[in-house]
Amino acid sequence: MFRVFTTKEFEDDFNKLDRSEKKSIRKIIQQLKTQGDNVGKPLGRLYFREKKFKGKRLYFLIYKQFMIILAVGISNKKVQQETINKILSEIKEYKKFVIIKLKEQN
């Protein structure tokens, strides 16, 4: 079973969604917890994936060695490439974030 962490960017994006979109995201997060790296479509790297829902996309990173999934953002098709590029440019920061979160929980 995977644990799902979220970034501040993800939380900001999530809070802008309507009720039905939030419900979809919650379902995807449950799916991520149980199915982990079998969810979504890889985006150039096996550990970076997206899951489509209601015309939008949820982006997440898989840290299999920690059994952690980090939800990093939500976007629509219009800003998809911009969002992907931003996530890829901050990949090392996300791993540091996950390690810090793990230390906080132990």
PDB file of N, CA and C in Angstrom:
ATOM      1  N   MET A   1       0.851  -1.187   0.000  1.00  0.00           N
ATOM      2  CA  MET A   1       0.000   0.000   0.000  1.00  0.00           C
ATOM      3  C   MET A   1       0.897   1.252   0.000  1.00  0.00           C
ATOM      4  N   PHE A   2       0.597   2.146  -0.887  1.00  0.00           N
ATOM      5  CA  PHE A   2       1.341   3.395  -0.993  1.00  0.00           C
ATOM      6  C   PHE A   2       0.729   4.458  -0.087  1.00  0.00           C
ATOM      7  N   ARG A   3       1.563   5.375   0.362  1.00  0.00           N
ATOM      8  CA  ARG A   3       1.070   6.569   1.042  1.00  0.00           C
ATOM      9  C   ARG A   3       1.116   7.699   0.020  1.00  0.00           C
ATOM     10  N   VAL A   4       0.171   8.611   0.111  1.00  0.00           N
ATOM     11  CA  VAL A   4       0.112   9.737  -0.820  1.00  0.00           C
ATOM     12  C   VAL A   4       0.362  11.027  -0.058  1.00  0.00           C
ATOM     13  N   PHE A   5       1.390  11.756  -0.492  1.00  0.00           N
ATOM     14  CA  PHE A   5       1.689  13.077   0.034  1.00  0.00           C
ATOM     15  C   PHE A   5       1.299  14.095  -1.035  1.00  0.00           C
ATOM     16  N   THR A   6       1.076  15.320  -0.618  1.00  0.00           N
ATOM     17  CA  THR A   6       0.737  16.384  -1.568  1.00  0.00           C
ATOM     18  C   THR A   6       1.624  17.603  -1.326  1.00  0.00           C
ATOM     19  N   THR A   7       1.848  18.350  -2.390  1.00  0.00           N
ATOM     20  CA  THR A   7       2.620  19.589  -2.289  1.00  0.00           C
ATOM     21  C   THR A   7       1.670  20.764  -2.091  1.00  0.00           C
ATOM     22  N   LYS A   8       2.222  21.889  -1.726  1.00  0.00           N
ATOM     23  CA  LYS A   8       1.430  23.103  -1.577  1.00  0.00           C
ATOM     24  C   LYS A   8       0.791  23.486  -2.913  1.00  0.00           C
ATOM     25  N   GLU A   9       1.544  23.334  -4.009  1.00  0.00           N
ATOM     26  CA  GLU A   9       1.013  23.638  -5.345  1.00  0.00           C
ATOM     27  C   GLU A   9      -0.213  22.786  -5.648  1.00  0.00           C
ATOM     28  N   PHE A  10      -0.122  21.504  -5.308  1.00  0.00           N
ATOM     29  CA  PHE A  10      -1.251  20.619  -5.513  1.00  0.00           C
ATOM     30  C   PHE A  10      -2.447  21.087  -4.686  1.00  0.00           C
ATOM     31  N   GLU A  11      -2.215  21.392  -3.420  1.00  0.00           N
ATOM     32  CA  GLU A  11      -3.295  21.839  -2.536  1.00  0.00           C
ATOM     33  C   GLU A  11      -3.953  23.116  -3.079  1.00  0.00           C
ATOM     34  N   ASP A  12      -3.136  24.047  -3.573  1.00  0.00           N
ATOM     35  CA  ASP A  12      -3.682  25.282  -4.150  1.00  0.00           C
ATOM     36  C   ASP A  12      -4.560  24.975  -5.363  1.00  0.00           C
ATOM     37  N   ASP A  13      -4.056  24.085  -6.243  1.00  0.00           N
ATOM     38  CA  ASP A  13      -4.831  23.693  -7.424  1.00  0.00           C
ATOM     39  C   ASP A  13      -6.122  22.985  -7.013  1.00  0.00           C
ATOM     40  N   PHE A  14      -6.027  22.089  -6.044  1.00  0.00           N
ATOM     41  CA  PHE A  14      -7.172  21.317  -5.572  1.00  0.00           C
ATOM     42  C   PHE A  14      -8.267  22.242  -5.029  1.00  0.00           C
ATOM     43  N   ASN A  15      -7.866  23.240  -4.265  1.00  0.00           N
ATOM     44  CA  ASN A  15      -8.844  24.151  -3.654  1.00  0.00           C
ATOM     45  C   ASN A  15      -9.603  24.988  -4.677  1.00  0.00           C
ATOM     46  N   LYS A  16      -9.085  25.102  -5.889  1.00  0.00           N
ATOM     47  CA  LYS A  16      -9.749  25.867  -6.951  1.00  0.00           C
ATOM     48  C   LYS A  16     -10.778  25.035  -7.712  1.00  0.00           C
ATOM     49  N   LEU A  17     -10.803  23.742  -7.481  1.00  0.00           N
ATOM     50  CA  LEU A  17     -11.697  22.851  -8.221  1.00  0.00           C
ATOM     51  C   LEU A  17     -13.120  22.907  -7.673  1.00  0.00           C
ATOM     52  N   ASP A  18     -14.068  22.502  -8.531  1.00  0.00           N
ATOM     53  CA  ASP A  18     -15.441  22.416  -8.047  1.00  0.00           C
ATOM     54  C   ASP A  18     -15.644  21.078  -7.321  1.00  0.00           C
ATOM     55  N   ARG A  19     -16.801  20.927  -6.718  1.00  0.00           N
ATOM     56  CA  ARG A  19     -17.094  19.769  -5.875  1.00  0.00           C
ATOM     57  C   ARG A  19     -16.920  18.436  -6.619  1.00  0.00           C
ATOM     58  N   SER A  20     -17.426  18.330  -7.842  1.00  0.00           N
ATOM     59  CA  SER A  20     -17.340  17.054  -8.565  1.00  0.00           C
ATOM     60  C   SER A  20     -15.895  16.733  -8.961  1.00  0.00           C
ATOM     61  N   GLU A  21     -15.101  17.762  -9.271  1.00  0.00           N
ATOM     62  CA  GLU A  21     -13.693  17.539  -9.602  1.00  0.00           C
ATOM     63  C   GLU A  21     -12.917  17.091  -8.363  1.00  0.00           C
ATOM     64  N   LYS A  22     -13.228  17.675  -7.227  1.00  0.00           N
ATOM     65  CA  LYS A  22     -12.583  17.267  -5.973  1.00  0.00           C
ATOM     66  C   LYS A  22     -12.915  15.810  -5.660  1.00  0.00           C
ATOM     67  N   LYS A  23     -14.163  15.435  -5.923  1.00  0.00           N
ATOM     68  CA  LYS A  23     -14.582  14.052  -5.691  1.00  0.00           C
ATOM     69  C   LYS A  23     -13.777  13.103  -6.589  1.00  0.00           C
ATOM     70  N   SER A  24     -13.577  13.493  -7.845  1.00  0.00           N
ATOM     71  CA  SER A  24     -12.785  12.678  -8.777  1.00  0.00           C
ATOM     72  C   SER A  24     -11.352  12.521  -8.285  1.00  0.00           C
ATOM     73  N   ILE A  25     -10.773  13.622  -7.811  1.00  0.00           N
ATOM     74  CA  ILE A  25      -9.393  13.581  -7.294  1.00  0.00           C
ATOM     75  C   ILE A  25      -9.303  12.649  -6.087  1.00  0.00           C
ATOM     76  N   ARG A  26     -10.266  12.731  -5.201  1.00  0.00           N
ATOM     77  CA  ARG A  26     -10.255  11.856  -4.014  1.00  0.00           C
ATOM     78  C   ARG A  26     -10.301  10.381  -4.420  1.00  0.00           C
ATOM     79  N   LYS A  27     -11.087  10.075  -5.457  1.00  0.00           N
ATOM     80  CA  LYS A  27     -11.160   8.695  -5.953  1.00  0.00           C
ATOM     81  C   LYS A  27      -9.812   8.264  -6.528  1.00  0.00           C
ATOM     82  N   ILE A  28      -9.174   9.155  -7.283  1.00  0.00           N
ATOM     83  CA  ILE A  28      -7.868   8.846  -7.872  1.00  0.00           C
ATOM     84  C   ILE A  28      -6.842   8.613  -6.761  1.00  0.00           C
ATOM     85  N   ILE A  29      -6.876   9.434  -5.725  1.00  0.00           N
ATOM     86  CA  ILE A  29      -5.926   9.280  -4.616  1.00  0.00           C
ATOM     87  C   ILE A  29      -6.126   7.927  -3.927  1.00  0.00           C
ATOM     88  N   GLN A  30      -7.371   7.505  -3.753  1.00  0.00           N
ATOM     89  CA  GLN A  30      -7.637   6.177  -3.179  1.00  0.00           C
ATOM     90  C   GLN A  30      -7.063   5.092  -4.087  1.00  0.00           C
ATOM     91  N   GLN A  31      -7.236   5.270  -5.388  1.00  0.00           N
ATOM     92  CA  GLN A  31      -6.718   4.329  -6.364  1.00  0.00           C
ATOM     93  C   GLN A  31      -5.185   4.280  -6.291  1.00  0.00           C
ATOM     94  N   LEU A  32      -4.553   5.453  -6.136  1.00  0.00           N
ATOM     95  CA  LEU A  32      -3.097   5.519  -6.028  1.00  0.00           C
ATOM     96  C   LEU A  32      -2.607   4.772  -4.787  1.00  0.00           C
ATOM     97  N   LYS A  33      -3.324   4.882  -3.698  1.00  0.00           N
ATOM     98  CA  LYS A  33      -2.926   4.207  -2.460  1.00  0.00           C
ATOM     99  C   LYS A  33      -2.911   2.696  -2.635  1.00  0.00           C
ATOM    100  N   THR A  34      -3.879   2.169  -3.355  1.00  0.00           N
ATOM    101  CA  THR A  34      -3.983   0.717  -3.488  1.00  0.00           C
ATOM    102  C   THR A  34      -3.246   0.162  -4.703  1.00  0.00           C
ATOM    103  N   GLN A  35      -3.221   0.916  -5.817  1.00  0.00           N
ATOM    104  CA  GLN A  35      -2.625   0.404  -7.049  1.00  0.00           C
ATOM    105  C   GLN A  35      -1.291   1.053  -7.400  1.00  0.00           C
ATOM    106  N   GLY A  36      -0.961   2.148  -6.740  1.00  0.00           N
ATOM    107  CA  GLY A  36       0.337   2.800  -6.889  1.00  0.00           C
ATOM    108  C   GLY A  36       0.774   3.083  -8.301  1.00  0.00           C
ATOM    109  N   ASP A  37       1.871   2.455  -8.692  1.00  0.00           N
ATOM    110  CA  ASP A  37       2.478   2.756  -9.986  1.00  0.00           C
ATOM    111  C   ASP A  37       1.768   2.107 -11.171  1.00  0.00           C
ATOM    112  N   ASN A  38       0.615   1.507 -10.940  1.00  0.00           N
ATOM    113  CA  ASN A  38      -0.189   0.965 -12.046  1.00  0.00           C
ATOM    114  C   ASN A  38      -1.265   1.937 -12.500  1.00  0.00           C
ATOM    115  N   VAL A  39      -1.290   3.132 -11.913  1.00  0.00           N
ATOM    116  CA  VAL A  39      -2.303   4.132 -12.232  1.00  0.00           C
ATOM    117  C   VAL A  39      -1.702   5.179 -13.152  1.00  0.00           C
ATOM    118  N   GLY A  40      -2.494   5.617 -14.117  1.00  0.00           N
ATOM    119  CA  GLY A  40      -2.085   6.733 -14.960  1.00  0.00           C
ATOM    120  C   GLY A  40      -1.164   6.364 -16.100  1.00  0.00           C
ATOM    121  N   LYS A  41      -0.759   7.420 -16.805  1.00  0.00           N
ATOM    122  CA  LYS A  41       0.077   7.287 -17.999  1.00  0.00           C
ATOM    123  C   LYS A  41       1.457   7.887 -17.719  1.00  0.00           C
ATOM    124  N   PRO A  42       2.536   7.122 -18.010  1.00  0.00           N
ATOM    125  CA  PRO A  42       3.884   7.656 -17.797  1.00  0.00           C
ATOM    126  C   PRO A  42       4.156   8.864 -18.706  1.00  0.00           C
ATOM    127  N   LEU A  43       4.893   9.827 -18.158  1.00  0.00           N
ATOM    128  CA  LEU A  43       5.240  11.034 -18.910  1.00  0.00           C
ATOM    129  C   LEU A  43       6.756  11.102 -19.114  1.00  0.00           C
ATOM    130  N   GLY A  44       7.266  10.238 -19.982  1.00  0.00           N
ATOM    131  CA  GLY A  44       8.683  10.247 -20.300  1.00  0.00           C
ATOM    132  C   GLY A  44       9.557   9.496 -19.309  1.00  0.00           C
ATOM    133  N   ARG A  45       9.124   9.411 -18.087  1.00  0.00           N
ATOM    134  CA  ARG A  45       9.851   8.687 -17.037  1.00  0.00           C
ATOM    135  C   ARG A  45       8.844   7.797 -16.313  1.00  0.00           C
ATOM    136  N   LEU A  46       9.279   6.615 -15.921  1.00  0.00           N
ATOM    137  CA  LEU A  46       8.361   5.674 -15.278  1.00  0.00           C
ATOM    138  C   LEU A  46       7.795   6.211 -13.969  1.00  0.00           C
ATOM    139  N   TYR A  47       8.554   7.058 -13.280  1.00  0.00           N
ATOM    140  CA  TYR A  47       8.115   7.554 -11.972  1.00  0.00           C
ATOM    141  C   TYR A  47       7.284   8.837 -12.053  1.00  0.00           C
ATOM    142  N   PHE A  48       7.122   9.400 -13.242  1.00  0.00           N
ATOM    143  CA  PHE A  48       6.338  10.626 -13.427  1.00  0.00           C
ATOM    144  C   PHE A  48       5.129  10.288 -14.282  1.00  0.00           C
ATOM    145  N   ARG A  49       3.937  10.484 -13.714  1.00  0.00           N
ATOM    146  CA  ARG A  49       2.708  10.077 -14.396  1.00  0.00           C
ATOM    147  C   ARG A  49       1.621  11.125 -14.307  1.00  0.00           C
ATOM    148  N   GLU A  50       0.625  10.932 -15.171  1.00  0.00           N
ATOM    149  CA  GLU A  50      -0.574  11.765 -15.112  1.00  0.00           C
ATOM    150  C   GLU A  50      -1.787  10.863 -15.145  1.00  0.00           C
ATOM    151  N   LYS A  51      -2.842  11.338 -14.540  1.00  0.00           N
ATOM    152  CA  LYS A  51      -4.132  10.641 -14.589  1.00  0.00           C
ATOM    153  C   LYS A  51      -5.166  11.664 -15.014  1.00  0.00           C
ATOM    154  N   LYS A  52      -5.867  11.370 -16.098  1.00  0.00           N
ATOM    155  CA  LYS A  52      -6.885  12.292 -16.615  1.00  0.00           C
ATOM    156  C   LYS A  52      -8.190  12.142 -15.848  1.00  0.00           C
ATOM    157  N   PHE A  53      -8.881  13.273 -15.693  1.00  0.00           N
ATOM    158  CA  PHE A  53     -10.205  13.277 -15.082  1.00  0.00           C
ATOM    159  C   PHE A  53     -10.922  14.540 -15.538  1.00  0.00           C
ATOM    160  N   LYS A  54     -12.132  14.415 -15.984  1.00  0.00           N
ATOM    161  CA  LYS A  54     -13.008  15.544 -16.330  1.00  0.00           C
ATOM    162  C   LYS A  54     -12.298  16.662 -17.105  1.00  0.00           C
ATOM    163  N   GLY A  55     -11.510  16.306 -18.114  1.00  0.00           N
ATOM    164  CA  GLY A  55     -10.832  17.298 -18.944  1.00  0.00           C
ATOM    165  C   GLY A  55      -9.590  17.904 -18.319  1.00  0.00           C
ATOM    166  N   LYS A  56      -9.222  17.423 -17.148  1.00  0.00           N
ATOM    167  CA  LYS A  56      -8.027  17.921 -16.467  1.00  0.00           C
ATOM    168  C   LYS A  56      -7.072  16.755 -16.241  1.00  0.00           C
ATOM    169  N   ARG A  57      -5.908  17.087 -15.677  1.00  0.00           N
ATOM    170  CA  ARG A  57      -4.912  16.067 -15.404  1.00  0.00           C
ATOM    171  C   ARG A  57      -4.331  16.248 -14.003  1.00  0.00           C
ATOM    172  N   LEU A  58      -4.161  15.129 -13.314  1.00  0.00           N
ATOM    173  CA  LEU A  58      -3.492  15.098 -12.018  1.00  0.00           C
ATOM    174  C   LEU A  58      -2.088  14.556 -12.276  1.00  0.00           C
ATOM    175  N   TYR A  59      -1.069  15.285 -11.832  1.00  0.00           N
ATOM    176  CA  TYR A  59       0.318  14.877 -12.019  1.00  0.00           C
ATOM    177  C   TYR A  59       0.869  14.368 -10.700  1.00  0.00           C
ATOM    178  N   PHE A  60       1.609  13.259 -10.780  1.00  0.00           N
ATOM    179  CA  PHE A  60       2.177  12.700  -9.560  1.00  0.00           C
ATOM    180  C   PHE A  60       3.500  12.001  -9.846  1.00  0.00           C
ATOM    181  N   LEU A  61       4.295  11.906  -8.786  1.00  0.00           N
ATOM    182  CA  LEU A  61       5.601  11.251  -8.836  1.00  0.00           C
ATOM    183  C   LEU A  61       5.554  10.029  -7.939  1.00  0.00           C
ATOM    184  N   ILE A  62       6.177   8.948  -8.396  1.00  0.00           N
ATOM    185  CA  ILE A  62       6.178   7.696  -7.654  1.00  0.00           C
ATOM    186  C   ILE A  62       7.576   7.455  -7.092  1.00  0.00           C
ATOM    187  N   TYR A  63       7.639   7.279  -5.790  1.00  0.00           N
ATOM    188  CA  TYR A  63       8.890   6.946  -5.106  1.00  0.00           C
ATOM    189  C   TYR A  63       8.712   5.537  -4.543  1.00  0.00           C
ATOM    190  N   LYS A  64       8.940   4.557  -5.416  1.00  0.00           N
ATOM    191  CA  LYS A  64       8.670   3.164  -5.068  1.00  0.00           C
ATOM    192  C   LYS A  64       9.520   2.690  -3.888  1.00  0.00           C
ATOM    193  N   GLN A  65      10.768   3.196  -3.790  1.00  0.00           N
ATOM    194  CA  GLN A  65      11.644   2.753  -2.696  1.00  0.00           C
ATOM    195  C   GLN A  65      11.094   3.164  -1.333  1.00  0.00           C
ATOM    196  N   PHE A  66      10.271   4.224  -1.292  1.00  0.00           N
ATOM    197  CA  PHE A  66       9.657   4.684  -0.050  1.00  0.00           C
ATOM    198  C   PHE A  66       8.177   4.304   0.043  1.00  0.00           C
ATOM    199  N   MET A  67       7.638   3.721  -1.039  1.00  0.00           N
ATOM    200  CA  MET A  67       6.198   3.429  -1.148  1.00  0.00           C
ATOM    201  C   MET A  67       5.376   4.708  -0.959  1.00  0.00           C
ATOM    202  N   ILE A  68       5.840   5.775  -1.625  1.00  0.00           N
ATOM    203  CA  ILE A  68       5.207   7.086  -1.542  1.00  0.00           C
ATOM    204  C   ILE A  68       4.834   7.552  -2.931  1.00  0.00           C
ATOM    205  N   ILE A  69       3.673   8.174  -3.025  1.00  0.00           N
ATOM    206  CA  ILE A  69       3.280   8.891  -4.232  1.00  0.00           C
ATOM    207  C   ILE A  69       3.092  10.336  -3.833  1.00  0.00           C
ATOM    208  N   LEU A  70       3.707  11.227  -4.609  1.00  0.00           N
ATOM    209  CA  LEU A  70       3.620  12.652  -4.338  1.00  0.00           C
ATOM    210  C   LEU A  70       2.772  13.307  -5.420  1.00  0.00           C
ATOM    211  N   ALA A  71       1.586  13.797  -5.033  1.00  0.00           N
ATOM    212  CA  ALA A  71       0.726  14.540  -5.955  1.00  0.00           C
ATOM    213  C   ALA A  71       1.303  15.954  -6.058  1.00  0.00           C
ATOM    214  N   VAL A  72       1.684  16.356  -7.275  1.00  0.00           N
ATOM    215  CA  VAL A  72       2.404  17.617  -7.433  1.00  0.00           C
ATOM    216  C   VAL A  72       1.640  18.708  -8.166  1.00  0.00           C
ATOM    217  N   GLY A  73       0.584  18.364  -8.890  1.00  0.00           N
ATOM    218  CA  GLY A  73      -0.136  19.421  -9.585  1.00  0.00           C
ATOM    219  C   GLY A  73      -1.359  18.930 -10.328  1.00  0.00           C
ATOM    220  N   ILE A  74      -2.152  19.908 -10.737  1.00  0.00           N
ATOM    221  CA  ILE A  74      -3.362  19.665 -11.530  1.00  0.00           C
ATOM    222  C   ILE A  74      -3.377  20.730 -12.611  1.00  0.00           C
ATOM    223  N   SER A  75      -3.708  20.327 -13.834  1.00  0.00           N
ATOM    224  CA  SER A  75      -3.819  21.330 -14.904  1.00  0.00           C
ATOM    225  C   SER A  75      -4.847  20.888 -15.926  1.00  0.00           C
ATOM    226  N   ASN A  76      -5.139  21.791 -16.831  1.00  0.00           N
ATOM    227  CA  ASN A  76      -5.977  21.435 -17.970  1.00  0.00           C
ATOM    228  C   ASN A  76      -5.074  21.240 -19.181  1.00  0.00           C
ATOM    229  N   LYS A  77      -5.643  20.844 -20.289  1.00  0.00           N
ATOM    230  CA  LYS A  77      -4.879  20.562 -21.501  1.00  0.00           C
ATOM    231  C   LYS A  77      -4.119  21.803 -21.984  1.00  0.00           C
ATOM    232  N   LYS A  78      -4.703  22.966 -21.768  1.00  0.00           N
ATOM    233  CA  LYS A  78      -4.135  24.224 -22.264  1.00  0.00           C
ATOM    234  C   LYS A  78      -2.735  24.501 -21.698  1.00  0.00           C
ATOM    235  N   VAL A  79      -2.527  24.211 -20.418  1.00  0.00           N
ATOM    236  CA  VAL A  79      -1.232  24.489 -19.783  1.00  0.00           C
ATOM    237  C   VAL A  79      -0.482  23.200 -19.421  1.00  0.00           C
ATOM    238  N   GLN A  80      -0.838  22.119 -20.080  1.00  0.00           N
ATOM    239  CA  GLN A  80      -0.250  20.813 -19.774  1.00  0.00           C
ATOM    240  C   GLN A  80       1.273  20.825 -19.896  1.00  0.00           C
ATOM    241  N   GLN A  81       1.802  21.271 -21.033  1.00  0.00           N
ATOM    242  CA  GLN A  81       3.251  21.218 -21.238  1.00  0.00           C
ATOM    243  C   GLN A  81       3.989  22.130 -20.269  1.00  0.00           C
ATOM    244  N   GLU A  82       3.421  23.284 -20.004  1.00  0.00           N
ATOM    245  CA  GLU A  82       4.020  24.220 -19.042  1.00  0.00           C
ATOM    246  C   GLU A  82       4.109  23.576 -17.652  1.00  0.00           C
ATOM    247  N   THR A  83       3.048  22.906 -17.259  1.00  0.00           N
ATOM    248  CA  THR A  83       3.011  22.235 -15.957  1.00  0.00           C
ATOM    249  C   THR A  83       4.031  21.099 -15.901  1.00  0.00           C
ATOM    250  N   ILE A  84       4.093  20.298 -16.950  1.00  0.00           N
ATOM    251  CA  ILE A  84       5.049  19.187 -17.010  1.00  0.00           C
ATOM    252  C   ILE A  84       6.478  19.713 -16.913  1.00  0.00           C
ATOM    253  N   ASN A  85       6.786  20.758 -17.664  1.00  0.00           N
ATOM    254  CA  ASN A  85       8.137  21.336 -17.643  1.00  0.00           C
ATOM    255  C   ASN A  85       8.507  21.845 -16.249  1.00  0.00           C
ATOM    256  N   LYS A  86       7.563  22.487 -15.599  1.00  0.00           N
ATOM    257  CA  LYS A  86       7.803  23.016 -14.243  1.00  0.00           C
ATOM    258  C   LYS A  86       8.093  21.879 -13.272  1.00  0.00           C
ATOM    259  N   ILE A  87       7.314  20.818 -13.348  1.00  0.00           N
ATOM    260  CA  ILE A  87       7.510  19.666 -12.459  1.00  0.00           C
ATOM    261  C   ILE A  87       8.880  19.039 -12.708  1.00  0.00           C
ATOM    262  N   LEU A  88       9.226  18.845 -13.970  1.00  0.00           N
ATOM    263  CA  LEU A  88      10.516  18.236 -14.294  1.00  0.00           C
ATOM    264  C   LEU A  88      11.680  19.098 -13.814  1.00  0.00           C
ATOM    265  N   SER A  89      11.523  20.407 -13.870  1.00  0.00           N
ATOM    266  CA  SER A  89      12.610  21.298 -13.431  1.00  0.00           C
ATOM    267  C   SER A  89      12.799  21.254 -11.910  1.00  0.00           C
ATOM    268  N   GLU A  90      11.793  20.783 -11.183  1.00  0.00           N
ATOM    269  CA  GLU A  90      11.862  20.759  -9.717  1.00  0.00           C
ATOM    270  C   GLU A  90      11.921  19.338  -9.145  1.00  0.00           C
ATOM    271  N   ILE A  91      12.257  18.376  -9.994  1.00  0.00           N
ATOM    272  CA  ILE A  91      12.252  16.963  -9.605  1.00  0.00           C
ATOM    273  C   ILE A  91      13.101  16.707  -8.350  1.00  0.00           C
ATOM    274  N   LYS A  92      14.291  17.291  -8.266  1.00  0.00           N
ATOM    275  CA  LYS A  92      15.175  17.065  -7.103  1.00  0.00           C
ATOM    276  C   LYS A  92      14.573  17.653  -5.831  1.00  0.00           C
ATOM    277  N   GLU A  93      13.916  18.794  -5.959  1.00  0.00           N
ATOM    278  CA  GLU A  93      13.278  19.427  -4.797  1.00  0.00           C
ATOM    279  C   GLU A  93      12.141  18.556  -4.264  1.00  0.00           C
ATOM    280  N   TYR A  94      11.415  17.913  -5.169  1.00  0.00           N
ATOM    281  CA  TYR A  94      10.320  17.039  -4.743  1.00  0.00           C
ATOM    282  C   TYR A  94      10.845  15.848  -3.940  1.00  0.00           C
ATOM    283  N   LYS A  95      11.961  15.275  -4.371  1.00  0.00           N
ATOM    284  CA  LYS A  95      12.526  14.143  -3.628  1.00  0.00           C
ATOM    285  C   LYS A  95      12.958  14.600  -2.231  1.00  0.00           C
ATOM    286  N   LYS A  96      13.583  15.776  -2.126  1.00  0.00           N
ATOM    287  CA  LYS A  96      13.969  16.315  -0.816  1.00  0.00           C
ATOM    288  C   LYS A  96      12.731  16.498   0.064  1.00  0.00           C
ATOM    289  N   PHE A  97      11.652  17.004  -0.542  1.00  0.00           N
ATOM    290  CA  PHE A  97      10.393  17.210   0.171  1.00  0.00           C
ATOM    291  C   PHE A  97       9.883  15.888   0.749  1.00  0.00           C
ATOM    292  N   VAL A  98       9.914  14.832  -0.055  1.00  0.00           N
ATOM    293  CA  VAL A  98       9.433  13.517   0.386  1.00  0.00           C
ATOM    294  C   VAL A  98      10.281  13.000   1.542  1.00  0.00           C
ATOM    295  N   ILE A  99      11.588  13.140   1.438  1.00  0.00           N
ATOM    296  CA  ILE A  99      12.482  12.668   2.497  1.00  0.00           C
ATOM    297  C   ILE A  99      12.218  13.422   3.802  1.00  0.00           C
ATOM    298  N   ILE A 100      12.029  14.719   3.716  1.00  0.00           N
ATOM    299  CA  ILE A 100      11.717  15.529   4.905  1.00  0.00           C
ATOM    300  C   ILE A 100      10.396  15.081   5.527  1.00  0.00           C
ATOM    301  N   LYS A 101       9.371  14.872   4.691  1.00  0.00           N
ATOM    302  CA  LYS A 101       8.063  14.423   5.190  1.00  0.00           C
ATOM    303  C   LYS A 101       8.179  13.065   5.896  1.00  0.00           C
ATOM    304  N   LEU A 102       8.982  12.181   5.327  1.00  0.00           N
ATOM    305  CA  LEU A 102       9.175  10.858   5.945  1.00  0.00           C
ATOM    306  C   LEU A 102       9.843  10.985   7.307  1.00  0.00           C
ATOM    307  N   LYS A 103      10.845  11.845   7.396  1.00  0.00           N
ATOM    308  CA  LYS A 103      11.538  12.056   8.685  1.00  0.00           C
ATOM    309  C   LYS A 103      10.602  12.645   9.721  1.00  0.00           C
ATOM    310  N   GLU A 104       9.725  13.551   9.296  1.00  0.00           N
ATOM    311  CA  GLU A 104       8.759  14.161  10.212  1.00  0.00           C
ATOM    312  C   GLU A 104       7.794  13.128  10.789  1.00  0.00           C
ATOM    313  N   GLN A 105       7.477  12.129   9.998  1.00  0.00           N
ATOM    314  CA  GLN A 105       6.490  11.131  10.431  1.00  0.00           C
ATOM    315  C   GLN A 105       7.096  10.020  11.286  1.00  0.00           C
ATOM    316  N   ASN A 106       8.413   9.948  11.331  1.00  0.00           N
ATOM    317  CA  ASN A 106       9.061   8.894  12.129  1.00  0.00           C
ATOM    318  C   ASN A 106       9.509   9.395  13.471  1.00  0.00           C
TER     319      ASN A 106
END
